[in-house]
C-alpha atoms as a PDB file:
ATOM      1  CA  MET A   1       0.000   0.000   0.000  1.00  0.00           C
ATOM      2  CA  ARG A   2       1.352   3.414  -0.949  1.00  0.00           C
ATOM      3  CA  SER A   3       1.715   6.164   1.594  1.00  0.00           C
ATOM      4  CA  PHE A   4      -0.426   9.274   1.376  1.00  0.00           C
ATOM      5  CA  ARG A   5       2.662  11.313   0.365  1.00  0.00           C
ATOM      6  CA  GLU A   6       3.473   8.898  -2.483  1.00  0.00           C
ATOM      7  CA  HIS A   7      -0.139   9.051  -3.643  1.00  0.00           C
ATOM      8  CA  MET A   8      -0.145  12.871  -3.664  1.00  0.00           C
ATOM      9  CA  ASN A   9       3.284  13.104  -5.328  1.00  0.00           C
ATOM     10  CA  ARG A  10       2.300  10.661  -8.065  1.00  0.00           C
ATOM     11  CA  THR A  11      -1.008  12.462  -8.654  1.00  0.00           C
ATOM     12  CA  ALA A  12       0.683  15.874  -8.741  1.00  0.00           C
ATOM     13  CA  PHE A  13       3.257  14.558 -11.234  1.00  0.00           C
ATOM     14  CA  LYS A  14       0.480  13.245 -13.494  1.00  0.00           C
ATOM     15  CA  MET A  15      -1.286  16.596 -13.330  1.00  0.00           C
ATOM     16  CA  MET A  16       1.842  18.559 -14.230  1.00  0.00           C
ATOM     17  CA  ARG A  17       3.086  16.418 -17.098  1.00  0.00           C
ATOM     18  CA  PRO A  18       2.837  18.201 -20.440  1.00  0.00           C
ATOM     19  CA  THR A  19      -0.135  17.446 -22.613  1.00  0.00           C
ATOM     20  CA  ALA A  20      -0.884  18.367 -26.199  1.00  0.00           C
ATOM     21  CA  ILE A  21      -2.382  21.835 -26.364  1.00  0.00           C
ATOM     22  CA  ASN A  22      -4.865  23.118 -28.899  1.00  0.00           C
ATOM     23  CA  SER A  23      -3.557  25.332 -31.636  1.00  0.00           C
ATOM     24  CA  PRO A  24      -2.723  28.849 -30.435  1.00  0.00           C
ATOM     25  CA  MET A  25      -5.102  30.010 -33.167  1.00  0.00           C
ATOM     26  CA  GLY A  26      -7.856  28.833 -30.799  1.00  0.00           C
ATOM     27  CA  PHE A  27     -11.406  27.677 -31.309  1.00  0.00           C
ATOM     28  CA  GLY A  28     -12.878  28.653 -34.640  1.00  0.00           C
ATOM     29  CA  SER A  29      -9.536  29.013 -36.408  1.00  0.00           C
ATOM     30  CA  SER A  30      -8.791  27.333 -39.679  1.00  0.00           C
ATOM     31  CA  GLY A  31      -6.911  24.104 -39.825  1.00  0.00           C
ATOM     32  CA  GLY A  32      -7.982  20.695 -38.688  1.00  0.00           C
ATOM     33  CA  GLY A  33     -11.482  19.817 -37.658  1.00  0.00           C
ATOM     34  CA  GLY A  34     -13.282  22.775 -39.126  1.00  0.00           C
ATOM     35  CA  SER A  35     -14.157  26.058 -37.539  1.00  0.00           C
ATOM     36  CA  ASP A  36     -17.352  24.850 -35.920  1.00  0.00           C
ATOM     37  CA  CYS A  37     -15.746  22.074 -33.856  1.00  0.00           C
ATOM     38  CA  PRO A  38     -15.181  22.712 -30.162  1.00  0.00           C
ATOM     39  CA  PRO A  39     -11.744  22.012 -28.673  1.00  0.00           C
ATOM     40  CA  ASP A  40     -11.031  18.430 -27.666  1.00  0.00           C
ATOM     41  CA  GLN A  41     -12.069  18.197 -23.998  1.00  0.00           C
ATOM     42  CA  SER A  42      -9.365  15.615 -23.303  1.00  0.00           C
ATOM     43  CA  LEU A  43      -6.777  18.351 -23.862  1.00  0.00           C
ATOM     44  CA  GLN A  44      -8.220  20.660 -21.212  1.00  0.00           C
ATOM     45  CA  SER A  45      -6.645  21.007 -17.766  1.00  0.00           C
ATOM     46  CA  ARG A  46      -7.505  18.115 -15.524  1.00  0.00           C
ATOM     47  CA  LYS A  47      -9.163  18.751 -12.178  1.00  0.00           C
ATOM     48  CA  TYR A  48      -7.897  16.732  -9.226  1.00  0.00           C
ATOM     49  CA  VAL A  49     -10.549  15.434  -6.879  1.00  0.00           C
ATOM     50  CA  SER A  50      -9.161  13.901  -3.716  1.00  0.00           C
ATOM     51  CA  PRO A  51     -10.978  11.104  -1.947  1.00  0.00           C
ATOM     52  CA  LEU A  52      -9.566  12.498   1.313  1.00  0.00           C
ATOM     53  CA  VAL A  53     -10.524  16.177   1.138  1.00  0.00           C
ATOM     54  CA  SER A  54     -13.306  17.926  -0.697  1.00  0.00           C
ATOM     55  CA  PHE A  55     -13.706  21.683  -1.061  1.00  0.00           C
ATOM     56  CA  VAL A  56     -17.095  23.392  -1.087  1.00  0.00           C
ATOM     57  CA  THR A  57     -17.521  27.065  -1.909  1.00  0.00           C
ATOM     58  CA  VAL A  58     -20.540  28.990  -0.694  1.00  0.00           C
ATOM     59  CA  GLN A  59     -21.420  32.228  -2.465  1.00  0.00           C
ATOM     60  CA  HIS A  60     -22.162  35.240  -0.244  1.00  0.00           C
ATOM     61  CA  THR A  61     -22.910  38.121  -2.553  1.00  0.00           C
ATOM     62  CA  ASN A  62     -25.532  40.330  -0.950  1.00  0.00           C
ATOM     63  CA  ASN A  63     -23.211  42.567   1.160  1.00  0.00           C
ATOM     64  CA  ALA A  64     -25.349  42.003   4.266  1.00  0.00           C
ATOM     65  CA  ALA A  65     -25.778  39.372   6.960  1.00  0.00           C
ATOM     66  CA  ILE A  66     -27.633  36.324   5.701  1.00  0.00           C
ATOM     67  CA  GLY A  67     -29.085  33.264   7.429  1.00  0.00           C
ATOM     68  CA  ASP A  68     -29.644  29.624   6.567  1.00  0.00           C
ATOM     69  CA  VAL A  69     -27.200  29.418   3.643  1.00  0.00           C
ATOM     70  CA  PRO A  70     -27.084  25.711   2.695  1.00  0.00           C
ATOM     71  CA  LEU A  71     -23.822  23.773   2.899  1.00  0.00           C
ATOM     72  CA  ILE A  72     -24.307  20.267   1.474  1.00  0.00           C
ATOM     73  CA  LEU A  73     -21.605  17.736   2.299  1.00  0.00           C
ATOM     74  CA  PRO A  74     -20.273  15.960  -0.818  1.00  0.00           C
ATOM     75  CA  ILE A  75     -18.414  13.293   1.178  1.00  0.00           C
ATOM     76  CA  PRO A  76     -18.583  11.910   4.731  1.00  0.00           C
ATOM     77  CA  ALA A  77     -17.253  14.618   7.036  1.00  0.00           C
ATOM     78  CA  ARG A  78     -15.611  14.500  10.416  1.00  0.00           C
ATOM     79  CA  VAL A  79     -13.755  17.768   9.808  1.00  0.00           C
ATOM     80  CA  ILE A  80     -15.152  21.036   8.426  1.00  0.00           C
ATOM     81  CA  VAL A  81     -12.753  23.982   8.220  1.00  0.00           C
ATOM     82  CA  CYS A  82     -13.108  27.437   6.670  1.00  0.00           C
ATOM     83  CA  VAL A  83     -10.031  27.640   4.434  1.00  0.00           C
ATOM     84  CA  SER A  84     -10.611  30.657   2.212  1.00  0.00           C
ATOM     85  CA  THR A  85     -12.514  33.924   2.244  1.00  0.00           C
ATOM     86  CA  PHE A  86     -11.968  37.474   1.037  1.00  0.00           C
ATOM     87  CA  LEU A  87      -9.324  38.885   3.353  1.00  0.00           C
ATOM     88  CA  VAL A  88     -11.585  41.855   4.138  1.00  0.00           C
ATOM     89  CA  GLU A  89     -14.166  39.316   5.368  1.00  0.00           C
ATOM     90  CA  GLN A  90     -11.730  37.501   7.658  1.00  0.00           C
ATOM     91  CA  ASP A  91     -13.192  39.150  10.749  1.00  0.00           C
ATOM     92  CA  ASN A  92     -16.877  38.745   9.941  1.00  0.00           C
ATOM     93  CA  THR A  93     -18.997  36.268  11.881  1.00  0.00           C
ATOM     94  CA  LEU A  94     -19.720  32.759  10.641  1.00  0.00           C
ATOM     95  CA  PHE A  95     -21.983  30.218  12.362  1.00  0.00           C
ATOM     96  CA  LEU A  96     -22.695  26.571  11.446  1.00  0.00           C
ATOM     97  CA  HIS A  97     -25.982  24.856  12.362  1.00  0.00           C
ATOM     98  CA  PHE A  98     -27.855  21.646  11.595  1.00  0.00           C
ATOM     99  CA  VAL A  99     -31.401  22.952  11.027  1.00  0.00           C
ATOM    100  CA  PRO A 100     -32.618  26.233   9.548  1.00  0.00           C
ATOM    101  CA  LEU A 101     -32.952  28.871  12.272  1.00  0.00           C
ATOM    102  CA  ASN A 102     -35.125  31.169  10.155  1.00  0.00           C
ATOM    103  CA  LYS A 103     -33.368  34.289  11.425  1.00  0.00           C
ATOM    104  CA  ASN A 104     -34.091  37.381   9.350  1.00  0.00           C
ATOM    105  CA  TYR A 105     -31.333  39.975   9.497  1.00  0.00           C
ATOM    106  CA  ALA A 106     -33.425  42.426   7.415  1.00  0.00           C
ATOM    107  CA  GLY A 107     -30.483  43.860   5.482  1.00  0.00           C
ATOM    108  CA  ALA A 108     -28.363  44.452   8.602  1.00  0.00           C
ATOM    109  CA  ILE A 109     -24.661  43.703   8.364  1.00  0.00           C
ATOM    110  CA  ALA A 110     -24.159  42.411  11.921  1.00  0.00           C
ATOM    111  CA  ILE A 111     -25.238  39.135  13.471  1.00  0.00           C
ATOM    112  CA  LEU A 112     -26.010  39.852  17.113  1.00  0.00           C
ATOM    113  CA  PRO A 113     -26.388  36.590  19.043  1.00  0.00           C
ATOM    114  CA  GLN A 114     -29.323  36.573  21.474  1.00  0.00           C
ATOM    115  CA  GLY A 115     -28.131  33.633  23.567  1.00  0.00           C
ATOM    116  CA  THR A 116     -30.709  31.135  22.305  1.00  0.00           C
ATOM    117  CA  GLU A 117     -29.143  30.150  18.958  1.00  0.00           C
ATOM    118  CA  ALA A 118     -28.368  26.460  18.425  1.00  0.00           C
ATOM    119  CA  TRP A 119     -25.251  26.967  16.291  1.00  0.00           C
ATOM    120  CA  LEU A 120     -21.500  26.388  16.322  1.00  0.00           C
ATOM    121  CA  PRO A 121     -19.320  29.483  15.854  1.00  0.00           C
ATOM    122  CA  MET A 122     -16.705  29.188  13.104  1.00  0.00           C
ATOM    123  CA  CYS A 123     -14.878  32.319  14.172  1.00  0.00           C
ATOM    124  CA  GLY A 124     -13.713  33.971  17.349  1.00  0.00           C
ATOM    125  CA  LEU A 125     -16.141  36.563  18.689  1.00  0.00           C
ATOM    126  CA  ASN A 126     -15.751  40.033  20.127  1.00  0.00           C
ATOM    127  CA  THR A 127     -17.982  43.078  20.461  1.00  0.00           C
ATOM    128  CA  ALA A 128     -17.124  44.235  16.922  1.00  0.00           C
ATOM    129  CA  GLY A 129     -18.006  40.944  15.225  1.00  0.00           C
ATOM    130  CA  GLY A 130     -15.982  37.848  14.435  1.00  0.00           C
ATOM    131  CA  THR A 131     -12.254  37.261  14.408  1.00  0.00           C
ATOM    132  CA  GLY A 132     -10.209  34.794  12.419  1.00  0.00           C
ATOM    133  CA  ARG A 133     -12.736  33.070  10.162  1.00  0.00           C
ATOM    134  CA  MET A 134     -10.065  31.256   8.076  1.00  0.00           C
ATOM    135  CA  GLY A 135      -8.687  28.240   9.868  1.00  0.00           C
ATOM    136  CA  SER A 136     -11.720  27.902  12.123  1.00  0.00           C
ATOM    137  CA  GLY A 137     -13.534  24.615  12.025  1.00  0.00           C
ATOM    138  CA  TRP A 138     -15.004  21.652  13.795  1.00  0.00           C
ATOM    139  CA  ARG A 139     -13.935  18.029  14.195  1.00  0.00           C
ATOM    140  CA  PHE A 140     -16.715  15.555  14.983  1.00  0.00           C
ATOM    141  CA  SER A 141     -16.124  12.181  16.644  1.00  0.00           C
ATOM    142  CA  LYS A 142     -18.292  10.413  14.047  1.00  0.00           C
ATOM    143  CA  PRO A 143     -18.591  11.377  10.385  1.00  0.00           C
ATOM    144  CA  LEU A 144     -21.599  13.248   9.134  1.00  0.00           C
ATOM    145  CA  PRO A 145     -22.994  11.360   6.115  1.00  0.00           C
ATOM    146  CA  PRO A 146     -22.660  12.758   2.591  1.00  0.00           C
ATOM    147  CA  THR A 147     -25.552  14.921   1.383  1.00  0.00           C
ATOM    148  CA  THR A 148     -26.157  16.091   4.953  1.00  0.00           C
ATOM    149  CA  ASN A 149     -27.640  19.576   4.848  1.00  0.00           C
ATOM    150  CA  LEU A 150     -25.835  22.007   7.100  1.00  0.00           C
ATOM    151  CA  TYR A 151     -26.573  25.708   7.279  1.00  0.00           C
ATOM    152  CA  LEU A 152     -24.529  28.857   7.739  1.00  0.00           C
ATOM    153  CA  ASP A 153     -25.365  32.275   9.086  1.00  0.00           C
ATOM    154  CA  ILE A 154     -22.852  34.677   7.564  1.00  0.00           C
ATOM    155  CA  GLY A 155     -22.220  38.153   8.952  1.00  0.00           C
ATOM    156  CA  GLN A 156     -20.896  41.221   7.157  1.00  0.00           C
ATOM    157  CA  GLU A 157     -19.770  43.281  10.169  1.00  0.00           C
ATOM    158  CA  GLY A 158     -16.756  44.681   8.306  1.00  0.00           C
ATOM    159  CA  GLY A 159     -19.003  46.186   5.635  1.00  0.00           C
ATOM    160  CA  GLY A 160     -17.692  46.414   2.088  1.00  0.00           C
ATOM    161  CA  VAL A 161     -17.886  43.678  -0.502  1.00  0.00           C
ATOM    162  CA  SER A 162     -18.929  40.136   0.361  1.00  0.00           C
ATOM    163  CA  GLY A 163     -17.618  37.152  -1.534  1.00  0.00           C
ATOM    164  CA  PRO A 164     -17.220  33.380  -1.640  1.00  0.00           C
ATOM    165  CA  ILE A 165     -16.263  31.272   1.368  1.00  0.00           C
ATOM    166  CA  THR A 166     -14.529  27.907   0.822  1.00  0.00           C
ATOM    167  CA  PHE A 167     -14.583  25.008   3.263  1.00  0.00           C
ATOM    168  CA  ALA A 168     -12.345  21.923   3.374  1.00  0.00           C
ATOM    169  CA  ILE A 169     -14.360  18.843   4.259  1.00  0.00           C
ATOM    170  CA  SER A 170     -12.766  15.542   5.194  1.00  0.00           C
ATOM    171  CA  ASP A 171     -13.346  12.252   6.918  1.00  0.00           C
ATOM    172  CA  ASP A 172      -9.687  11.182   6.865  1.00  0.00           C
ATOM    173  CA  ILE A 173      -7.630  14.110   8.125  1.00  0.00           C
ATOM    174  CA  ASP A 174      -6.906  13.974  11.830  1.00  0.00           C
ATOM    175  CA  TYR A 175      -4.761  17.025  12.385  1.00  0.00           C
ATOM    176  CA  TRP A 176      -4.919  20.617  11.148  1.00  0.00           C
ATOM    177  CA  LYS A 177      -2.289  23.150  12.074  1.00  0.00           C
ATOM    178  CA  LEU A 178      -2.784  26.703  10.934  1.00  0.00           C
ATOM    179  CA  THR A 179      -0.621  29.497  12.205  1.00  0.00           C
ATOM    180  CA  GLY A 180      -0.343  33.129  11.276  1.00  0.00           C
ATOM    181  CA  THR A 181      -4.015  33.473  10.373  1.00  0.00           C
ATOM    182  CA  GLN A 182      -4.943  35.304  13.544  1.00  0.00           C
ATOM    183  CA  GLY A 183      -3.259  38.043  15.513  1.00  0.00           C
ATOM    184  CA  ASN A 184      -3.956  36.346  18.850  1.00  0.00           C
END
């Protein structure tokens, strides 16, 4: 049985090996196949999908706090970690929950917890909002099954532009070490 490192190195090597590229003239140019033929899909960049980690991106585009944003698990998940967000959104609140809470933020930018919410924070909290969204996550003792519907309440306390948030989801990773993502 190969080690995880050997598996990743071999896969990365396969992904980086040169492949034939379509003519620089591009789609619709003369020469070979006619101008109405699309490029050969086998020559496009390959996407690597790991059986160990899956990445899910949630779109947050309304520049205000929003509740009950669905996060559907593509694989069994013991670990859910926020791994990417607009840097200006790093200190906005982010909460994970298992059922819709039906909270209406009515265009407000801040999520102000009332003390009765059944959610898991995915950020540090202070009086100005969240802190350190990237690198925050949860590890469950038993995996959540694929296609489980989770929900997010996403704050916009920093104002400005909102954008996508990407989560790493895994059933096989036991240890995450992130440093330098928070000032504390």
